[in-house]
Amino acid sequence: MARDPLYLTTAVEAVVRAGDLQMDFFGRDVRVDKKGTIDLVTEADIAVERMFRKMIAERFPAHHVLAEELGDDAAADRAADVPCWVFDPIDGTTNFAHGLPIFCASLALEIDGLAEVAAVYDPNRRELFTAERGGGAFLNGEPLKISSAAELVDSLLVTGFPYDVHQRVEEIIGLFGAFVAQARAVRRLGSAAIDLCYVAAGRIDGFWESDLKAWDMAGGALIVAEAGGSVTNMSGGPFRSRGGDVLATNGRIHDAMLGTIKPFLSRARQRTK
């Protein structure tokens, strides 16, 4: 079945409109609430998601929306046979709330459980990352290509920390330190979607993170794959947007990163038994 061209058009329009809304709020004294000890939501997140849900309801009323802030999305998470728009209104909310200009809107359309279309927009750099399954990945219309680094010592890596990091400092920082000891450098930017897009663009060689939601990584994972990179879970198994973790690389350092990650995963599982 041919893919509806309106899907990508809608995805692009949605994230660009989201970025415009984000910038309308950015730098202002916005309301910030807590969903957890360090998990934030702002009035901008809510405004962007409301805009998006209205757009999809008007254009594709039979489709589901799985998004971060509003509504009960249990039905969208269960019904793999119904097209599902997986949306993060602001990926990098903590950065946004602190006035740090590293955030984006991230979107993927999943059909039969697989992302078919993706769009991520960084309004600060005016960078629009897009992909269609089997059609390649692009930055502002130009093809994306992963990096050529073949060794960890020549690689720039990036990761993120889960919201329960205060209870898992030894585990999280231990793995971070293991990569610091092997890589050229390790960064922590605060937006998983941007991290993934930077892997696709060849700016970052590898990205790992656990305890993520589908909206954090569904769009970016497709963009990496379509740019020629490798995307799995942190155990090396098939990537699933609902799987909770991701390892995305240029492919050349994937096995080396898995070799570093696996002992930490093993110890973490033993502690939870």
C-alpha atoms as a PDB file:
ATOM      1  CA  MET A   1       0.000   0.000   0.000  1.00  0.00           C
ATOM      2  CA  ALA A   2       1.354   3.439  -0.941  1.00  0.00           C
ATOM      3  CA  ARG A   3       2.040   5.764   1.965  1.00  0.00           C
ATOM      4  CA  ASP A   4      -0.276   8.780   2.168  1.00  0.00           C
ATOM      5  CA  PRO A   5       1.863  11.865   1.306  1.00  0.00           C
ATOM      6  CA  LEU A   6      -0.227  13.830   3.796  1.00  0.00           C
ATOM      7  CA  TYR A   7       1.458  11.883   6.619  1.00  0.00           C
ATOM      8  CA  LEU A   8       4.874  13.488   6.152  1.00  0.00           C
ATOM      9  CA  THR A   9       3.332  16.860   5.346  1.00  0.00           C
ATOM     10  CA  THR A  10       1.366  16.712   8.591  1.00  0.00           C
ATOM     11  CA  ALA A  11       4.389  15.587  10.590  1.00  0.00           C
ATOM     12  CA  VAL A  12       6.492  18.475   9.297  1.00  0.00           C
ATOM     13  CA  GLU A  13       3.734  21.032   9.817  1.00  0.00           C
ATOM     14  CA  ALA A  14       3.078  19.743  13.331  1.00  0.00           C
ATOM     15  CA  VAL A  15       6.649  19.951  14.607  1.00  0.00           C
ATOM     16  CA  VAL A  16       7.321  23.336  12.986  1.00  0.00           C
ATOM     17  CA  ARG A  17       4.124  24.757  14.496  1.00  0.00           C
ATOM     18  CA  ALA A  18       5.181  23.195  17.800  1.00  0.00           C
ATOM     19  CA  GLY A  19       8.557  24.902  17.533  1.00  0.00           C
ATOM     20  CA  ASP A  20       6.925  28.265  16.862  1.00  0.00           C
ATOM     21  CA  LEU A  21       4.772  27.822  19.972  1.00  0.00           C
ATOM     22  CA  GLN A  22       7.781  26.782  22.030  1.00  0.00           C
ATOM     23  CA  MET A  23       9.613  29.956  21.064  1.00  0.00           C
ATOM     24  CA  ASP A  24       6.565  32.074  21.903  1.00  0.00           C
ATOM     25  CA  PHE A  25       6.873  30.798  25.477  1.00  0.00           C
ATOM     26  CA  PHE A  26      10.651  30.436  25.721  1.00  0.00           C
ATOM     27  CA  GLY A  27      12.370  32.934  27.990  1.00  0.00           C
ATOM     28  CA  ARG A  28       9.104  34.023  29.568  1.00  0.00           C
ATOM     29  CA  ASP A  29       7.989  33.386  33.133  1.00  0.00           C
ATOM     30  CA  VAL A  30       6.047  30.224  32.272  1.00  0.00           C
ATOM     31  CA  ARG A  31       4.238  28.071  34.772  1.00  0.00           C
ATOM     32  CA  VAL A  32       6.231  24.979  35.736  1.00  0.00           C
ATOM     33  CA  ASP A  33       4.684  22.011  37.568  1.00  0.00           C
ATOM     34  CA  LYS A  34       6.221  18.787  38.824  1.00  0.00           C
ATOM     35  CA  LYS A  35       5.188  15.310  37.682  1.00  0.00           C
ATOM     36  CA  GLY A  36       7.928  13.841  39.876  1.00  0.00           C
ATOM     37  CA  THR A  37      10.838  15.027  41.982  1.00  0.00           C
ATOM     38  CA  ILE A  38      12.790  16.248  38.916  1.00  0.00           C
ATOM     39  CA  ASP A  39      10.245  15.548  36.149  1.00  0.00           C
ATOM     40  CA  LEU A  40       8.775  18.858  34.942  1.00  0.00           C
ATOM     41  CA  VAL A  41       5.869  19.989  32.771  1.00  0.00           C
ATOM     42  CA  THR A  42       5.284  23.574  31.665  1.00  0.00           C
ATOM     43  CA  GLU A  43       2.284  25.433  30.293  1.00  0.00           C
ATOM     44  CA  ALA A  44       4.115  25.418  26.956  1.00  0.00           C
ATOM     45  CA  ASP A  45       4.112  21.588  26.870  1.00  0.00           C
ATOM     46  CA  ILE A  46       0.351  21.638  27.398  1.00  0.00           C
ATOM     47  CA  ALA A  47      -0.296  24.319  24.756  1.00  0.00           C
ATOM     48  CA  VAL A  48       1.790  22.493  22.141  1.00  0.00           C
ATOM     49  CA  GLU A  49       0.127  19.145  22.788  1.00  0.00           C
ATOM     50  CA  ARG A  50      -3.361  20.660  22.598  1.00  0.00           C
ATOM     51  CA  MET A  51      -2.483  22.170  19.219  1.00  0.00           C
ATOM     52  CA  PHE A  52      -1.239  18.818  17.967  1.00  0.00           C
ATOM     53  CA  ARG A  53      -4.188  16.771  19.199  1.00  0.00           C
ATOM     54  CA  LYS A  54      -6.571  19.209  17.514  1.00  0.00           C
ATOM     55  CA  MET A  55      -4.658  18.922  14.226  1.00  0.00           C
ATOM     56  CA  ILE A  56      -4.773  15.122  14.198  1.00  0.00           C
ATOM     57  CA  ALA A  57      -8.429  14.991  15.262  1.00  0.00           C
ATOM     58  CA  GLU A  58      -9.323  17.196  12.302  1.00  0.00           C
ATOM     59  CA  ARG A  59      -7.160  15.477   9.664  1.00  0.00           C
ATOM     60  CA  PHE A  60      -7.152  11.847  10.793  1.00  0.00           C
ATOM     61  CA  PRO A  61     -10.076  11.323  13.202  1.00  0.00           C
ATOM     62  CA  ALA A  62      -9.653   7.529  13.151  1.00  0.00           C
ATOM     63  CA  HIS A  63      -6.002   7.708  14.201  1.00  0.00           C
ATOM     64  CA  HIS A  64      -4.722   7.477  17.759  1.00  0.00           C
ATOM     65  CA  VAL A  65      -2.386   9.880  19.546  1.00  0.00           C
ATOM     66  CA  LEU A  66       0.184   8.772  22.118  1.00  0.00           C
ATOM     67  CA  ALA A  67       1.668  11.882  23.695  1.00  0.00           C
ATOM     68  CA  GLU A  68       3.318  12.865  26.925  1.00  0.00           C
ATOM     69  CA  GLU A  69       1.088  15.285  28.757  1.00  0.00           C
ATOM     70  CA  LEU A  70      -2.672  15.017  28.116  1.00  0.00           C
ATOM     71  CA  GLY A  71      -5.302  12.323  28.114  1.00  0.00           C
ATOM     72  CA  ASP A  72      -5.489   8.603  28.697  1.00  0.00           C
ATOM     73  CA  ASP A  73      -3.410   7.040  25.941  1.00  0.00           C
ATOM     74  CA  ALA A  74      -3.868   3.421  27.004  1.00  0.00           C
ATOM     75  CA  ALA A  75      -5.984   2.648  23.939  1.00  0.00           C
ATOM     76  CA  ALA A  76      -3.375   4.166  21.632  1.00  0.00           C
ATOM     77  CA  ASP A  77      -0.680   2.058  23.269  1.00  0.00           C
ATOM     78  CA  ARG A  78      -2.664  -1.173  22.817  1.00  0.00           C
ATOM     79  CA  ALA A  79      -4.117  -0.863  19.326  1.00  0.00           C
ATOM     80  CA  ALA A  80      -1.175  -1.620  17.015  1.00  0.00           C
ATOM     81  CA  ASP A  81      -3.576  -2.040  14.076  1.00  0.00           C
ATOM     82  CA  VAL A  82      -4.622   1.643  14.223  1.00  0.00           C
ATOM     83  CA  PRO A  83      -2.168   4.317  12.998  1.00  0.00           C
ATOM     84  CA  CYS A  84      -0.703   6.080  16.023  1.00  0.00           C
ATOM     85  CA  TRP A  85       0.989   9.481  16.198  1.00  0.00           C
ATOM     86  CA  VAL A  86       3.662   9.373  18.909  1.00  0.00           C
ATOM     87  CA  PHE A  87       4.411  12.939  19.990  1.00  0.00           C
ATOM     88  CA  ASP A  88       6.590  14.769  22.467  1.00  0.00           C
ATOM     89  CA  PRO A  89       5.478  18.423  22.644  1.00  0.00           C
ATOM     90  CA  ILE A  90       8.798  19.502  24.181  1.00  0.00           C
ATOM     91  CA  ASP A  91      11.616  16.991  24.364  1.00  0.00           C
ATOM     92  CA  GLY A  92      14.009  18.683  26.762  1.00  0.00           C
ATOM     93  CA  THR A  93      11.467  20.289  29.091  1.00  0.00           C
ATOM     94  CA  THR A  94      14.007  20.733  31.908  1.00  0.00           C
ATOM     95  CA  ASN A  95      16.306  22.629  29.538  1.00  0.00           C
ATOM     96  CA  PHE A  96      13.338  24.691  28.326  1.00  0.00           C
ATOM     97  CA  ALA A  97      12.217  25.551  31.867  1.00  0.00           C
ATOM     98  CA  HIS A  98      15.729  26.720  32.781  1.00  0.00           C
ATOM     99  CA  GLY A  99      16.178  28.825  29.663  1.00  0.00           C
ATOM    100  CA  LEU A 100      18.697  26.439  28.074  1.00  0.00           C
ATOM    101  CA  PRO A 101      18.109  26.398  24.290  1.00  0.00           C
ATOM    102  CA  ILE A 102      18.412  22.648  23.718  1.00  0.00           C
ATOM    103  CA  PHE A 103      14.924  21.253  23.111  1.00  0.00           C
ATOM    104  CA  CYS A 104      12.692  20.179  20.242  1.00  0.00           C
ATOM    105  CA  ALA A 105       9.368  18.707  19.178  1.00  0.00           C
ATOM    106  CA  SER A 106       9.511  15.028  18.222  1.00  0.00           C
ATOM    107  CA  LEU A 107       6.949  13.029  16.224  1.00  0.00           C
ATOM    108  CA  ALA A 108       6.562   9.624  14.630  1.00  0.00           C
ATOM    109  CA  LEU A 109       3.627   7.975  12.891  1.00  0.00           C
ATOM    110  CA  GLU A 110       3.503   4.266  13.701  1.00  0.00           C
ATOM    111  CA  ILE A 111       1.532   1.902  11.477  1.00  0.00           C
ATOM    112  CA  ASP A 112       1.205  -1.735  12.530  1.00  0.00           C
ATOM    113  CA  GLY A 113       3.609  -0.956  15.351  1.00  0.00           C
ATOM    114  CA  LEU A 114       6.425   0.423  13.167  1.00  0.00           C
ATOM    115  CA  ALA A 115       7.417   4.044  12.677  1.00  0.00           C
ATOM    116  CA  GLU A 116       6.796   4.945   9.043  1.00  0.00           C
ATOM    117  CA  VAL A 117       7.255   8.728   9.171  1.00  0.00           C
ATOM    118  CA  ALA A 118       9.282  10.888  11.571  1.00  0.00           C
ATOM    119  CA  ALA A 119       9.931  14.579  12.108  1.00  0.00           C
ATOM    120  CA  VAL A 120      11.980  16.362  14.764  1.00  0.00           C
ATOM    121  CA  TYR A 121      12.301  20.153  14.846  1.00  0.00           C
ATOM    122  CA  ASP A 122      14.812  22.182  16.842  1.00  0.00           C
ATOM    123  CA  PRO A 123      13.478  25.761  16.751  1.00  0.00           C
ATOM    124  CA  ASN A 124      16.631  27.317  18.202  1.00  0.00           C
ATOM    125  CA  ARG A 125      18.822  26.089  15.354  1.00  0.00           C
ATOM    126  CA  ARG A 126      15.929  25.939  12.868  1.00  0.00           C
ATOM    127  CA  GLU A 127      16.842  22.354  12.069  1.00  0.00           C
ATOM    128  CA  LEU A 128      14.159  20.048  10.714  1.00  0.00           C
ATOM    129  CA  PHE A 129      15.041  16.347  10.708  1.00  0.00           C
ATOM    130  CA  THR A 130      12.722  14.055   8.724  1.00  0.00           C
ATOM    131  CA  ALA A 131      12.555  10.448   7.607  1.00  0.00           C
ATOM    132  CA  GLU A 132      10.261   7.988   5.872  1.00  0.00           C
ATOM    133  CA  ARG A 133      10.795   4.243   6.181  1.00  0.00           C
ATOM    134  CA  GLY A 134      12.747   3.173   3.109  1.00  0.00           C
ATOM    135  CA  GLY A 135      13.052   6.754   1.899  1.00  0.00           C
ATOM    136  CA  GLY A 136      16.120   8.043   3.737  1.00  0.00           C
ATOM    137  CA  ALA A 137      16.624  10.738   6.368  1.00  0.00           C
ATOM    138  CA  PHE A 138      17.104  14.461   5.828  1.00  0.00           C
ATOM    139  CA  LEU A 139      18.099  17.678   7.578  1.00  0.00           C
ATOM    140  CA  ASN A 140      16.392  20.718   6.080  1.00  0.00           C
ATOM    141  CA  GLY A 141      15.975  18.713   2.876  1.00  0.00           C
ATOM    142  CA  GLU A 142      19.583  17.529   2.616  1.00  0.00           C
ATOM    143  CA  PRO A 143      20.402  13.806   3.056  1.00  0.00           C
ATOM    144  CA  LEU A 144      21.779  12.732   6.419  1.00  0.00           C
ATOM    145  CA  LYS A 145      24.714  10.386   6.857  1.00  0.00           C
ATOM    146  CA  ILE A 146      26.128   8.772   9.973  1.00  0.00           C
ATOM    147  CA  SER A 147      29.770   9.191  11.016  1.00  0.00           C
ATOM    148  CA  SER A 148      32.747   7.043  10.072  1.00  0.00           C
ATOM    149  CA  ALA A 149      34.330   6.590  13.537  1.00  0.00           C
ATOM    150  CA  ALA A 150      35.369   2.964  13.941  1.00  0.00           C
ATOM    151  CA  GLU A 151      36.781   2.925  17.488  1.00  0.00           C
ATOM    152  CA  LEU A 152      35.435   4.161  20.810  1.00  0.00           C
ATOM    153  CA  VAL A 153      38.608   6.176  21.397  1.00  0.00           C
ATOM    154  CA  ASP A 154      37.762   8.178  18.265  1.00  0.00           C
ATOM    155  CA  SER A 155      34.086   8.578  19.164  1.00  0.00           C
ATOM    156  CA  LEU A 156      31.942  11.297  20.707  1.00  0.00           C
ATOM    157  CA  LEU A 157      29.121   9.709  22.713  1.00  0.00           C
ATOM    158  CA  VAL A 158      26.001  11.092  24.361  1.00  0.00           C
ATOM    159  CA  THR A 159      23.521   9.837  26.943  1.00  0.00           C
ATOM    160  CA  GLY A 160      20.767  10.950  29.269  1.00  0.00           C
ATOM    161  CA  PHE A 161      19.850  10.268  32.882  1.00  0.00           C
ATOM    162  CA  PRO A 162      16.491   8.831  34.054  1.00  0.00           C
ATOM    163  CA  TYR A 163      14.196  10.716  36.404  1.00  0.00           C
ATOM    164  CA  ASP A 164      14.994   8.279  39.216  1.00  0.00           C
ATOM    165  CA  VAL A 165      18.736   8.932  38.898  1.00  0.00           C
ATOM    166  CA  HIS A 166      18.895   9.980  42.569  1.00  0.00           C
ATOM    167  CA  GLN A 167      18.078   6.381  43.532  1.00  0.00           C
ATOM    168  CA  ARG A 168      20.447   4.826  40.943  1.00  0.00           C
ATOM    169  CA  VAL A 169      23.497   7.052  40.999  1.00  0.00           C
ATOM    170  CA  GLU A 170      26.042   4.236  41.205  1.00  0.00           C
ATOM    171  CA  GLU A 171      24.505   2.339  38.274  1.00  0.00           C
ATOM    172  CA  ILE A 172      23.975   5.357  35.997  1.00  0.00           C
ATOM    173  CA  ILE A 173      27.240   7.156  36.708  1.00  0.00           C
ATOM    174  CA  GLY A 174      29.132   3.855  36.674  1.00  0.00           C
ATOM    175  CA  LEU A 175      28.197   3.214  33.053  1.00  0.00           C
ATOM    176  CA  PHE A 176      28.806   6.857  32.171  1.00  0.00           C
ATOM    177  CA  GLY A 177      32.273   6.575  33.693  1.00  0.00           C
ATOM    178  CA  ALA A 178      33.005   3.369  31.810  1.00  0.00           C
ATOM    179  CA  PHE A 179      32.424   5.186  28.530  1.00  0.00           C
ATOM    180  CA  VAL A 180      34.387   8.245  29.689  1.00  0.00           C
ATOM    181  CA  ALA A 181      37.335   5.891  30.148  1.00  0.00           C
ATOM    182  CA  GLN A 182      37.077   4.604  26.569  1.00  0.00           C
ATOM    183  CA  ALA A 183      35.645   7.323  24.331  1.00  0.00           C
ATOM    184  CA  ARG A 184      37.073  10.585  23.052  1.00  0.00           C
ATOM    185  CA  ALA A 185      34.337  12.385  25.014  1.00  0.00           C
ATOM    186  CA  VAL A 186      30.870  11.867  26.462  1.00  0.00           C
ATOM    187  CA  ARG A 187      28.116  14.480  26.492  1.00  0.00           C
ATOM    188  CA  ARG A 188      24.737  14.857  28.200  1.00  0.00           C
ATOM    189  CA  LEU A 189      22.484  17.301  26.293  1.00  0.00           C
ATOM    190  CA  GLY A 190      19.079  16.709  27.882  1.00  0.00           C
ATOM    191  CA  SER A 191      17.002  15.801  24.805  1.00  0.00           C
ATOM    192  CA  ALA A 192      16.912  12.200  23.596  1.00  0.00           C
ATOM    193  CA  ALA A 193      15.342  13.165  20.274  1.00  0.00           C
ATOM    194  CA  ILE A 194      18.125  15.663  19.540  1.00  0.00           C
ATOM    195  CA  ASP A 195      20.710  13.091  20.635  1.00  0.00           C
ATOM    196  CA  LEU A 196      19.313  10.595  18.128  1.00  0.00           C
ATOM    197  CA  CYS A 197      19.174  13.164  15.330  1.00  0.00           C
ATOM    198  CA  TYR A 198      22.788  14.107  16.019  1.00  0.00           C
ATOM    199  CA  VAL A 199      23.781  10.460  15.595  1.00  0.00           C
ATOM    200  CA  ALA A 200      21.952  10.486  12.254  1.00  0.00           C
ATOM    201  CA  ALA A 201      23.753  13.693  11.259  1.00  0.00           C
ATOM    202  CA  GLY A 202      27.197  12.289  12.117  1.00  0.00           C
ATOM    203  CA  ARG A 203      27.755  14.833  14.909  1.00  0.00           C
ATOM    204  CA  ILE A 204      27.570  12.097  17.548  1.00  0.00           C
ATOM    205  CA  ASP A 205      28.870   8.560  17.043  1.00  0.00           C
ATOM    206  CA  GLY A 206      26.765   6.736  19.644  1.00  0.00           C
ATOM    207  CA  PHE A 207      23.870   7.307  22.055  1.00  0.00           C
ATOM    208  CA  TRP A 208      22.516   5.152  24.857  1.00  0.00           C
ATOM    209  CA  GLU A 209      19.769   5.773  27.379  1.00  0.00           C
ATOM    210  CA  SER A 210      17.412   3.757  29.571  1.00  0.00           C
ATOM    211  CA  ASP A 211      13.979   4.478  31.055  1.00  0.00           C
ATOM    212  CA  LEU A 212      12.678   6.335  28.030  1.00  0.00           C
ATOM    213  CA  LYS A 213       9.114   6.600  26.746  1.00  0.00           C
ATOM    214  CA  ALA A 214       7.958   5.996  23.184  1.00  0.00           C
ATOM    215  CA  TRP A 215       7.627   9.715  22.477  1.00  0.00           C
ATOM    216  CA  ASP A 216      11.273  10.268  23.461  1.00  0.00           C
ATOM    217  CA  MET A 217      12.709   7.978  20.823  1.00  0.00           C
ATOM    218  CA  ALA A 218      10.220   6.759  18.183  1.00  0.00           C
ATOM    219  CA  GLY A 219      10.924   9.574  15.725  1.00  0.00           C
ATOM    220  CA  GLY A 220      14.653   9.829  16.296  1.00  0.00           C
ATOM    221  CA  ALA A 221      15.185   6.084  16.026  1.00  0.00           C
ATOM    222  CA  LEU A 222      13.692   5.988  12.527  1.00  0.00           C
ATOM    223  CA  ILE A 223      15.819   8.982  11.507  1.00  0.00           C
ATOM    224  CA  VAL A 224      18.990   7.183  12.672  1.00  0.00           C
ATOM    225  CA  ALA A 225      18.059   3.965  10.885  1.00  0.00           C
ATOM    226  CA  GLU A 226      17.255   5.789   7.642  1.00  0.00           C
ATOM    227  CA  ALA A 227      20.573   7.663   7.840  1.00  0.00           C
ATOM    228  CA  GLY A 228      22.375   4.306   7.817  1.00  0.00           C
ATOM    229  CA  GLY A 229      22.923   3.850  11.544  1.00  0.00           C
ATOM    230  CA  SER A 230      22.201   0.931  13.857  1.00  0.00           C
ATOM    231  CA  VAL A 231      19.387   1.031  16.428  1.00  0.00           C
ATOM    232  CA  THR A 232      18.764  -1.710  19.006  1.00  0.00           C
ATOM    233  CA  ASN A 233      17.811  -1.938  22.631  1.00  0.00           C
ATOM    234  CA  MET A 234      20.630  -1.775  25.166  1.00  0.00           C
ATOM    235  CA  SER A 235      20.903  -5.575  25.203  1.00  0.00           C
ATOM    236  CA  GLY A 236      21.419  -5.697  21.453  1.00  0.00           C
ATOM    237  CA  GLY A 237      17.919  -6.957  20.681  1.00  0.00           C
ATOM    238  CA  PRO A 238      15.388  -5.422  18.286  1.00  0.00           C
ATOM    239  CA  PHE A 239      14.425  -1.834  19.034  1.00  0.00           C
ATOM    240  CA  ARG A 240      10.862  -1.247  20.200  1.00  0.00           C
ATOM    241  CA  SER A 241       9.540   2.235  20.830  1.00  0.00           C
ATOM    242  CA  ARG A 242       7.746   0.886  23.928  1.00  0.00           C
ATOM    243  CA  GLY A 243      10.832  -1.026  25.077  1.00  0.00           C
ATOM    244  CA  GLY A 244      12.130   1.652  27.419  1.00  0.00           C
ATOM    245  CA  ASP A 245      15.739   1.917  26.224  1.00  0.00           C
ATOM    246  CA  VAL A 246      17.810   2.447  23.117  1.00  0.00           C
ATOM    247  CA  LEU A 247      21.320   2.156  21.724  1.00  0.00           C
ATOM    248  CA  ALA A 248      21.830   4.098  18.491  1.00  0.00           C
ATOM    249  CA  THR A 249      25.195   4.315  16.750  1.00  0.00           C
ATOM    250  CA  ASN A 250      26.911   4.720  13.408  1.00  0.00           C
ATOM    251  CA  GLY A 251      26.996   0.903  13.317  1.00  0.00           C
ATOM    252  CA  ARG A 252      30.773   0.693  13.425  1.00  0.00           C
ATOM    253  CA  ILE A 253      31.008   1.079  17.215  1.00  0.00           C
ATOM    254  CA  HIS A 254      27.764  -0.703  18.062  1.00  0.00           C
ATOM    255  CA  ASP A 255      29.318  -3.964  19.245  1.00  0.00           C
ATOM    256  CA  ALA A 256      31.936  -2.136  21.299  1.00  0.00           C
ATOM    257  CA  MET A 257      29.238  -0.121  23.055  1.00  0.00           C
ATOM    258  CA  LEU A 258      27.196  -3.258  23.710  1.00  0.00           C
ATOM    259  CA  GLY A 259      30.289  -4.874  25.204  1.00  0.00           C
ATOM    260  CA  THR A 260      30.580  -2.042  27.703  1.00  0.00           C
ATOM    261  CA  ILE A 261      26.868  -1.869  28.503  1.00  0.00           C
ATOM    262  CA  LYS A 262      26.107  -5.556  29.054  1.00  0.00           C
ATOM    263  CA  PRO A 263      28.043  -6.045  32.342  1.00  0.00           C
ATOM    264  CA  PHE A 264      26.209  -3.080  33.869  1.00  0.00           C
ATOM    265  CA  LEU A 265      22.845  -4.424  32.728  1.00  0.00           C
ATOM    266  CA  SER A 266      23.691  -7.810  34.227  1.00  0.00           C
ATOM    267  CA  ARG A 267      24.584  -6.295  37.596  1.00  0.00           C
ATOM    268  CA  ALA A 268      21.459  -4.111  37.565  1.00  0.00           C
ATOM    269  CA  ARG A 269      19.250  -7.163  36.950  1.00  0.00           C
ATOM    270  CA  GLN A 270      20.925  -9.057  39.762  1.00  0.00           C
ATOM    271  CA  ARG A 271      20.223  -6.188  42.188  1.00  0.00           C
ATOM    272  CA  THR A 272      16.523  -6.221  41.318  1.00  0.00           C
ATOM    273  CA  LYS A 273      16.078  -9.956  41.920  1.00  0.00           C
END
